[in-house]
Amino acid sequence: MRDSLQAHQRALRSASAHRFPAALALAGILAGCSDHSLPLALAGSGAQTTAASFVADAAIGQGTHAYPLSAIVGEGKGHVNITPEASQEGFSVEVQVSLQWTEPNADFLLTRSVDFVPDGVCTGTTFTPLPLPNPGPLELLRTSPAGSGAKHASFAFQPPPPAPFEDGKQFDVHWEIRTANGSTVLRSPCITVTVR
């Protein structure tokens, strides 16, 4: 019995030793990526989302990528990437959202609240869904039967952009990814964005 227990403990230590360096190597490779597809690449199985969480937690504060989404109503977690675009005149941004372990088969709105005092403290309480104030259908993220999903969206103010969104200006924003009836709400921390 004692030999069996010791063998089991050795096997656990060995498995842990192999998993941790692999997760660390994966984190190192992915944390250096400037691509905003990180959450999509890791939104599948439980082991992959654990690695995604590790990478995202390591990347907090480095630009506007891999900010965590935490449930304030219901369950789930995820990440949001915000990438201001300098490729065209005016203000434009690419948004990538991924969710896991949340409400299955549900449509989530991508909403945000902007604060024009860029001090890292988001004081806004009104969340506006994308693409408003632009026309068009609302951006929806549909989750799978397992409660995971991802969505890429673009938003732009065409030239001339409103004064708070001129090149070089900064603003704070936090995101809520929510079902229309509010049964599940995931919120990001406050993110400071620099307009390009």
C-alpha atoms as a PDB file:
ATOM      1  CA  MET A   1       0.000   0.000   0.000  1.00  0.00           C
ATOM      2  CA  ARG A   2       2.779   2.410   0.994  1.00  0.00           C
ATOM      3  CA  ASP A   3       4.715   1.581  -2.199  1.00  0.00           C
ATOM      4  CA  SER A   4       1.564   2.244  -4.244  1.00  0.00           C
ATOM      5  CA  LEU A   5       1.065   5.631  -2.550  1.00  0.00           C
ATOM      6  CA  GLN A   6       4.686   6.635  -3.137  1.00  0.00           C
ATOM      7  CA  ALA A   7       4.459   5.613  -6.800  1.00  0.00           C
ATOM      8  CA  HIS A   8       1.302   7.690  -7.186  1.00  0.00           C
ATOM      9  CA  GLN A   9       2.997  10.736  -5.597  1.00  0.00           C
ATOM     10  CA  ARG A  10       6.024  10.344  -7.919  1.00  0.00           C
ATOM     11  CA  ALA A  11       3.690  10.162 -10.923  1.00  0.00           C
ATOM     12  CA  LEU A  12       1.899  13.341  -9.838  1.00  0.00           C
ATOM     13  CA  ARG A  13       5.188  15.209  -9.349  1.00  0.00           C
ATOM     14  CA  SER A  14       6.410  14.041 -12.738  1.00  0.00           C
ATOM     15  CA  ALA A  15       3.188  15.099 -14.479  1.00  0.00           C
ATOM     16  CA  SER A  16       3.290  18.488 -12.784  1.00  0.00           C
ATOM     17  CA  ALA A  17       6.913  18.967 -13.769  1.00  0.00           C
ATOM     18  CA  HIS A  18       6.029  18.293 -17.406  1.00  0.00           C
ATOM     19  CA  ARG A  19       2.900  20.466 -17.477  1.00  0.00           C
ATOM     20  CA  PHE A  20       4.363  23.557 -15.818  1.00  0.00           C
ATOM     21  CA  PRO A  21       7.304  24.091 -18.231  1.00  0.00           C
ATOM     22  CA  ALA A  22       4.985  23.478 -21.189  1.00  0.00           C
ATOM     23  CA  ALA A  23       2.493  26.067 -19.894  1.00  0.00           C
ATOM     24  CA  LEU A  24       5.373  28.467 -19.163  1.00  0.00           C
ATOM     25  CA  ALA A  25       6.819  28.010 -22.644  1.00  0.00           C
ATOM     26  CA  LEU A  26       3.377  28.521 -24.207  1.00  0.00           C
ATOM     27  CA  ALA A  27       2.872  31.640 -22.112  1.00  0.00           C
ATOM     28  CA  GLY A  28       6.235  33.037 -23.150  1.00  0.00           C
ATOM     29  CA  ILE A  29       5.525  32.476 -26.818  1.00  0.00           C
ATOM     30  CA  LEU A  30       2.006  33.882 -26.727  1.00  0.00           C
ATOM     31  CA  ALA A  31       2.606  36.795 -24.355  1.00  0.00           C
ATOM     32  CA  GLY A  32       5.009  38.304 -26.863  1.00  0.00           C
ATOM     33  CA  CYS A  33       2.444  38.211 -29.662  1.00  0.00           C
ATOM     34  CA  SER A  34       1.154  41.513 -30.940  1.00  0.00           C
ATOM     35  CA  ASP A  35      -1.620  39.639 -32.732  1.00  0.00           C
ATOM     36  CA  HIS A  36      -5.054  40.029 -31.128  1.00  0.00           C
ATOM     37  CA  SER A  37      -6.046  36.401 -31.787  1.00  0.00           C
ATOM     38  CA  LEU A  38      -4.710  35.009 -28.491  1.00  0.00           C
ATOM     39  CA  PRO A  39      -8.071  34.331 -26.849  1.00  0.00           C
ATOM     40  CA  LEU A  40      -9.416  32.648 -29.992  1.00  0.00           C
ATOM     41  CA  ALA A  41      -6.436  30.321 -30.179  1.00  0.00           C
ATOM     42  CA  LEU A  42      -6.959  29.165 -26.604  1.00  0.00           C
ATOM     43  CA  ALA A  43     -10.717  29.191 -26.117  1.00  0.00           C
ATOM     44  CA  GLY A  44     -11.234  25.445 -26.475  1.00  0.00           C
ATOM     45  CA  SER A  45     -10.596  22.823 -23.817  1.00  0.00           C
ATOM     46  CA  GLY A  46     -10.146  23.314 -20.083  1.00  0.00           C
ATOM     47  CA  ALA A  47      -6.359  22.852 -20.299  1.00  0.00           C
ATOM     48  CA  GLN A  48      -6.124  25.438 -23.053  1.00  0.00           C
ATOM     49  CA  THR A  49      -8.248  28.008 -21.237  1.00  0.00           C
ATOM     50  CA  THR A  50      -6.082  27.530 -18.152  1.00  0.00           C
ATOM     51  CA  ALA A  51      -3.073  28.402 -20.291  1.00  0.00           C
ATOM     52  CA  ALA A  52      -4.985  31.383 -21.747  1.00  0.00           C
ATOM     53  CA  SER A  53      -5.745  32.622 -18.252  1.00  0.00           C
ATOM     54  CA  PHE A  54      -2.090  32.299 -17.290  1.00  0.00           C
ATOM     55  CA  VAL A  55      -0.961  34.256 -20.355  1.00  0.00           C
ATOM     56  CA  ALA A  56      -3.611  36.932 -19.889  1.00  0.00           C
ATOM     57  CA  ASP A  57      -2.792  37.424 -16.214  1.00  0.00           C
ATOM     58  CA  ALA A  58       0.897  37.797 -17.100  1.00  0.00           C
ATOM     59  CA  ALA A  59       0.084  40.367 -19.790  1.00  0.00           C
ATOM     60  CA  ILE A  60      -2.080  42.729 -17.721  1.00  0.00           C
ATOM     61  CA  GLY A  61      -0.833  46.273 -17.931  1.00  0.00           C
ATOM     62  CA  GLN A  62       1.087  45.640 -21.155  1.00  0.00           C
ATOM     63  CA  GLY A  63      -0.804  47.760 -23.660  1.00  0.00           C
ATOM     64  CA  THR A  64      -4.448  46.977 -24.251  1.00  0.00           C
ATOM     65  CA  HIS A  65      -4.319  43.201 -24.814  1.00  0.00           C
ATOM     66  CA  ALA A  66      -5.614  40.268 -22.793  1.00  0.00           C
ATOM     67  CA  TYR A  67      -7.574  42.154 -20.159  1.00  0.00           C
ATOM     68  CA  PRO A  68      -9.659  39.736 -18.085  1.00  0.00           C
ATOM     69  CA  LEU A  69     -13.441  39.714 -18.100  1.00  0.00           C
ATOM     70  CA  SER A  70     -14.879  38.682 -14.726  1.00  0.00           C
ATOM     71  CA  ALA A  71     -18.488  37.779 -13.984  1.00  0.00           C
ATOM     72  CA  ILE A  72     -20.326  40.357 -11.878  1.00  0.00           C
ATOM     73  CA  VAL A  73     -23.683  38.657 -12.582  1.00  0.00           C
ATOM     74  CA  GLY A  74     -23.927  34.950 -13.405  1.00  0.00           C
ATOM     75  CA  GLU A  75     -20.859  32.873 -14.216  1.00  0.00           C
ATOM     76  CA  GLY A  76     -17.966  32.831 -16.655  1.00  0.00           C
ATOM     77  CA  LYS A  77     -14.733  34.514 -17.545  1.00  0.00           C
ATOM     78  CA  GLY A  78     -12.946  35.750 -20.607  1.00  0.00           C
ATOM     79  CA  HIS A  79     -10.624  38.308 -22.131  1.00  0.00           C
ATOM     80  CA  VAL A  80     -10.885  41.461 -24.229  1.00  0.00           C
ATOM     81  CA  ASN A  81      -8.272  42.953 -26.566  1.00  0.00           C
ATOM     82  CA  ILE A  82      -8.522  46.558 -27.750  1.00  0.00           C
ATOM     83  CA  THR A  83      -6.317  47.535 -30.708  1.00  0.00           C
ATOM     84  CA  PRO A  84      -6.474  51.170 -31.901  1.00  0.00           C
ATOM     85  CA  GLU A  85      -5.823  51.304 -35.644  1.00  0.00           C
ATOM     86  CA  ALA A  86      -3.613  53.887 -37.324  1.00  0.00           C
ATOM     87  CA  SER A  87      -4.172  52.530 -40.831  1.00  0.00           C
ATOM     88  CA  GLN A  88      -6.922  55.024 -41.725  1.00  0.00           C
ATOM     89  CA  GLU A  89      -7.881  58.587 -40.891  1.00  0.00           C
ATOM     90  CA  GLY A  90     -10.216  59.155 -37.985  1.00  0.00           C
ATOM     91  CA  PHE A  91     -10.585  56.920 -34.943  1.00  0.00           C
ATOM     92  CA  SER A  92     -10.838  53.185 -35.460  1.00  0.00           C
ATOM     93  CA  VAL A  93     -10.340  50.232 -33.178  1.00  0.00           C
ATOM     94  CA  GLU A  94     -10.382  46.450 -33.421  1.00  0.00           C
ATOM     95  CA  VAL A  95     -12.001  44.571 -30.541  1.00  0.00           C
ATOM     96  CA  GLN A  96     -11.546  40.865 -29.804  1.00  0.00           C
ATOM     97  CA  VAL A  97     -13.592  39.196 -27.060  1.00  0.00           C
ATOM     98  CA  SER A  98     -13.478  35.597 -25.869  1.00  0.00           C
ATOM     99  CA  LEU A  99     -15.658  33.954 -23.226  1.00  0.00           C
ATOM    100  CA  GLN A 100     -15.607  30.587 -21.497  1.00  0.00           C
ATOM    101  CA  TRP A 101     -17.548  28.761 -18.777  1.00  0.00           C
ATOM    102  CA  THR A 102     -20.525  31.093 -19.139  1.00  0.00           C
ATOM    103  CA  GLU A 103     -24.171  30.899 -20.178  1.00  0.00           C
ATOM    104  CA  PRO A 104     -24.556  28.380 -23.039  1.00  0.00           C
ATOM    105  CA  ASN A 105     -26.327  29.125 -26.334  1.00  0.00           C
ATOM    106  CA  ALA A 106     -26.684  32.809 -25.432  1.00  0.00           C
ATOM    107  CA  ASP A 107     -26.246  36.067 -27.332  1.00  0.00           C
ATOM    108  CA  PHE A 108     -23.950  38.538 -25.560  1.00  0.00           C
ATOM    109  CA  LEU A 109     -23.834  42.258 -26.369  1.00  0.00           C
ATOM    110  CA  LEU A 110     -20.427  43.960 -26.552  1.00  0.00           C
ATOM    111  CA  THR A 111     -20.909  47.143 -24.518  1.00  0.00           C
ATOM    112  CA  ARG A 112     -18.481  49.767 -23.279  1.00  0.00           C
ATOM    113  CA  SER A 113     -18.425  52.858 -21.087  1.00  0.00           C
ATOM    114  CA  VAL A 114     -15.947  55.645 -21.880  1.00  0.00           C
ATOM    115  CA  ASP A 115     -14.399  58.062 -19.378  1.00  0.00           C
ATOM    116  CA  PHE A 116     -12.571  61.056 -20.871  1.00  0.00           C
ATOM    117  CA  VAL A 117     -10.363  61.598 -17.808  1.00  0.00           C
ATOM    118  CA  PRO A 118      -7.542  59.120 -18.528  1.00  0.00           C
ATOM    119  CA  ASP A 119      -6.481  58.396 -14.951  1.00  0.00           C
ATOM    120  CA  GLY A 120      -7.002  54.632 -14.891  1.00  0.00           C
ATOM    121  CA  VAL A 121     -10.254  54.980 -12.916  1.00  0.00           C
ATOM    122  CA  CYS A 122     -13.401  54.318 -14.955  1.00  0.00           C
ATOM    123  CA  THR A 123     -16.303  56.328 -13.540  1.00  0.00           C
ATOM    124  CA  GLY A 124     -18.815  55.819 -16.369  1.00  0.00           C
ATOM    125  CA  THR A 125     -21.943  53.827 -15.599  1.00  0.00           C
ATOM    126  CA  THR A 126     -23.695  53.977 -18.986  1.00  0.00           C
ATOM    127  CA  PHE A 127     -22.669  51.088 -21.250  1.00  0.00           C
ATOM    128  CA  THR A 128     -23.319  51.501 -24.980  1.00  0.00           C
ATOM    129  CA  PRO A 129     -23.444  48.453 -27.289  1.00  0.00           C
ATOM    130  CA  LEU A 130     -21.339  48.294 -30.450  1.00  0.00           C
ATOM    131  CA  PRO A 131     -21.701  49.712 -33.054  1.00  0.00           C
ATOM    132  CA  LEU A 132     -23.678  52.602 -31.514  1.00  0.00           C
ATOM    133  CA  PRO A 133     -23.615  55.534 -32.109  1.00  0.00           C
ATOM    134  CA  ASN A 134     -22.863  54.235 -35.628  1.00  0.00           C
ATOM    135  CA  PRO A 135     -25.769  52.677 -37.553  1.00  0.00           C
ATOM    136  CA  GLY A 136     -26.032  48.957 -38.144  1.00  0.00           C
ATOM    137  CA  PRO A 137     -27.006  45.784 -36.303  1.00  0.00           C
ATOM    138  CA  LEU A 138     -25.703  45.278 -32.779  1.00  0.00           C
ATOM    139  CA  GLU A 139     -22.555  43.172 -32.449  1.00  0.00           C
ATOM    140  CA  LEU A 140     -23.425  39.849 -30.782  1.00  0.00           C
ATOM    141  CA  LEU A 141     -21.221  37.094 -29.442  1.00  0.00           C
ATOM    142  CA  ARG A 142     -23.054  33.740 -29.540  1.00  0.00           C
ATOM    143  CA  THR A 143     -21.825  31.124 -27.079  1.00  0.00           C
ATOM    144  CA  SER A 144     -21.631  27.406 -27.777  1.00  0.00           C
ATOM    145  CA  PRO A 145     -23.531  24.684 -25.885  1.00  0.00           C
ATOM    146  CA  ALA A 146     -20.419  24.526 -23.649  1.00  0.00           C
ATOM    147  CA  GLY A 147     -20.670  28.240 -22.832  1.00  0.00           C
ATOM    148  CA  SER A 148     -17.671  29.501 -24.804  1.00  0.00           C
ATOM    149  CA  GLY A 149     -17.326  31.776 -27.787  1.00  0.00           C
ATOM    150  CA  ALA A 150     -15.336  34.543 -29.432  1.00  0.00           C
ATOM    151  CA  LYS A 151     -16.129  37.653 -31.432  1.00  0.00           C
ATOM    152  CA  HIS A 152     -14.105  40.124 -33.460  1.00  0.00           C
ATOM    153  CA  ALA A 153     -15.607  43.559 -34.082  1.00  0.00           C
ATOM    154  CA  SER A 154     -14.438  46.825 -35.628  1.00  0.00           C
ATOM    155  CA  PHE A 155     -15.516  50.326 -34.671  1.00  0.00           C
ATOM    156  CA  ALA A 156     -14.659  53.632 -36.353  1.00  0.00           C
ATOM    157  CA  PHE A 157     -15.459  57.325 -36.318  1.00  0.00           C
ATOM    158  CA  GLN A 158     -14.743  58.529 -39.827  1.00  0.00           C
ATOM    159  CA  PRO A 159     -12.865  61.836 -40.261  1.00  0.00           C
ATOM    160  CA  PRO A 160     -13.095  64.215 -38.679  1.00  0.00           C
ATOM    161  CA  PRO A 161     -13.464  62.270 -35.407  1.00  0.00           C
ATOM    162  CA  PRO A 162     -15.086  63.923 -32.373  1.00  0.00           C
ATOM    163  CA  ALA A 163     -12.541  66.008 -30.410  1.00  0.00           C
ATOM    164  CA  PRO A 164     -11.954  63.464 -27.602  1.00  0.00           C
ATOM    165  CA  PHE A 165     -10.896  60.892 -30.234  1.00  0.00           C
ATOM    166  CA  GLU A 166      -8.154  62.800 -32.072  1.00  0.00           C
ATOM    167  CA  ASP A 167      -4.704  61.257 -32.551  1.00  0.00           C
ATOM    168  CA  GLY A 168      -2.620  61.259 -29.386  1.00  0.00           C
ATOM    169  CA  LYS A 169      -5.591  61.725 -27.040  1.00  0.00           C
ATOM    170  CA  GLN A 170      -6.212  59.207 -24.282  1.00  0.00           C
ATOM    171  CA  PHE A 171      -9.382  57.954 -22.638  1.00  0.00           C
ATOM    172  CA  ASP A 172     -10.364  55.253 -20.171  1.00  0.00           C
ATOM    173  CA  VAL A 173     -12.853  52.550 -21.057  1.00  0.00           C
ATOM    174  CA  HIS A 174     -14.254  49.457 -19.416  1.00  0.00           C
ATOM    175  CA  TRP A 175     -16.272  46.778 -21.126  1.00  0.00           C
ATOM    176  CA  GLU A 176     -19.317  44.786 -20.176  1.00  0.00           C
ATOM    177  CA  ILE A 177     -20.121  41.698 -22.189  1.00  0.00           C
ATOM    178  CA  ARG A 178     -23.737  40.975 -21.248  1.00  0.00           C
ATOM    179  CA  THR A 179     -26.852  39.115 -22.230  1.00  0.00           C
ATOM    180  CA  ALA A 180     -29.711  41.409 -23.264  1.00  0.00           C
ATOM    181  CA  ASN A 181     -31.744  40.498 -20.168  1.00  0.00           C
ATOM    182  CA  GLY A 182     -28.762  40.957 -17.832  1.00  0.00           C
ATOM    183  CA  SER A 183     -28.737  37.318 -16.658  1.00  0.00           C
ATOM    184  CA  THR A 184     -24.964  37.213 -17.217  1.00  0.00           C
ATOM    185  CA  VAL A 185     -22.626  40.208 -17.143  1.00  0.00           C
ATOM    186  CA  LEU A 186     -18.838  40.053 -17.445  1.00  0.00           C
ATOM    187  CA  ARG A 187     -16.807  43.226 -16.876  1.00  0.00           C
ATOM    188  CA  SER A 188     -13.249  44.255 -17.703  1.00  0.00           C
ATOM    189  CA  PRO A 189     -10.990  46.393 -15.551  1.00  0.00           C
ATOM    190  CA  CYS A 190     -10.417  50.017 -16.562  1.00  0.00           C
ATOM    191  CA  ILE A 191      -8.291  50.264 -19.719  1.00  0.00           C
ATOM    192  CA  THR A 192      -6.487  53.429 -20.855  1.00  0.00           C
ATOM    193  CA  VAL A 193      -6.466  53.714 -24.662  1.00  0.00           C
ATOM    194  CA  THR A 194      -4.283  56.050 -26.745  1.00  0.00           C
ATOM    195  CA  VAL A 195      -5.852  57.151 -30.051  1.00  0.00           C
ATOM    196  CA  ARG A 196      -3.658  56.552 -33.091  1.00  0.00           C
END
